[in-house]
Amino acid sequence: MLEFIDVTLRFGGQISLHEINLQVPEGTIYSIIGPNGAGKTSLLNCVNGFYKPSSGKIIFEGENLLTMPPHNIPRLGIARTFQKVELFKNLRVIDNMLLGCHLQMGYGLGAAAFFWGKAIREELVFRRYVEEVIDFLEIEQWRNHFVDKVPFGILKRVELGRALVMNPKVILMDEPTSGMNAEETEDFVRFIIDIYEELDKSILLVEHDMDVVMEISHRICVLDYGRKIAEGSPVEIQNDAEVINAYLGSNQKDGN
């Protein structure tokens, strides 16, 4: 589904990503791990078009994303959540999620300005769809709250919901459990699994919580200082000597 071919990203003389090659198969939860500064978020930014690699290709279902303007990339079926929650604080939860429907809107400025005809019909469809996602993520009681009054763990679900209503084929998640307590993390991981199993979405995950990564990932790529040092199943990664030295630590070798 998603393939990185010799992707190199430079900022001046600094190399953030060096000749990254990896494939994210359709129908998988694929995780990218590594220490701080390894280039994990930079890799996601290249997929979105926020960063333009110095060389290489990123192929999504046959399309080279690096030849496309960033605003066209979501139309292919790529959605994203962020490490730092990116929501409009002066809007309600439901309004923030409705923003995710904009790519599917087929009415023009005139119909939107006067809110008639096709705009009304499509709005009703979008609202029903958003309500289904709200129920799926179990945030019904927060739907009409302004997001600045919503707990942090719920905000993460709202941002995930906004990505889901885009009806993507793959969701990029950048450290989705960062800042959560144990209970919030457990709930969020359950939703990730449900999205994969029930909604049939592929997931490209950047995550620091190794318990989460090892529990839900099908394949894992390990980056270190912008280079891929390993790729494989959770078991293979846990037993890779170079990964243990660079990131996981010696306690992982004993299965702890």
Foldseek 3Di string as FASTA:
>chain_A
DKWWAQFWADDVPATQAGGDTDDFDALFAEEEEADPSLNPVVVVCCLLVVGQTPDTFMADPRDTSNVDHNVCSVVQFEAEAEPPQDFDQVAALQVRLLVLCVVVDDDDPVCVVVVDDSNVVVVVVLSVVLVVLCVLLVPVVRRGPRPVPDDPLVSLSSRVSSRVSNVGQEYEYEASCPPHDPVSVVSVLVSVVCCSPVVVHYYYYYHDPLVSCLVGGQKYWYGYSNYTDDIGHSVCLLCDPVNCVRPVDPVSNVVD
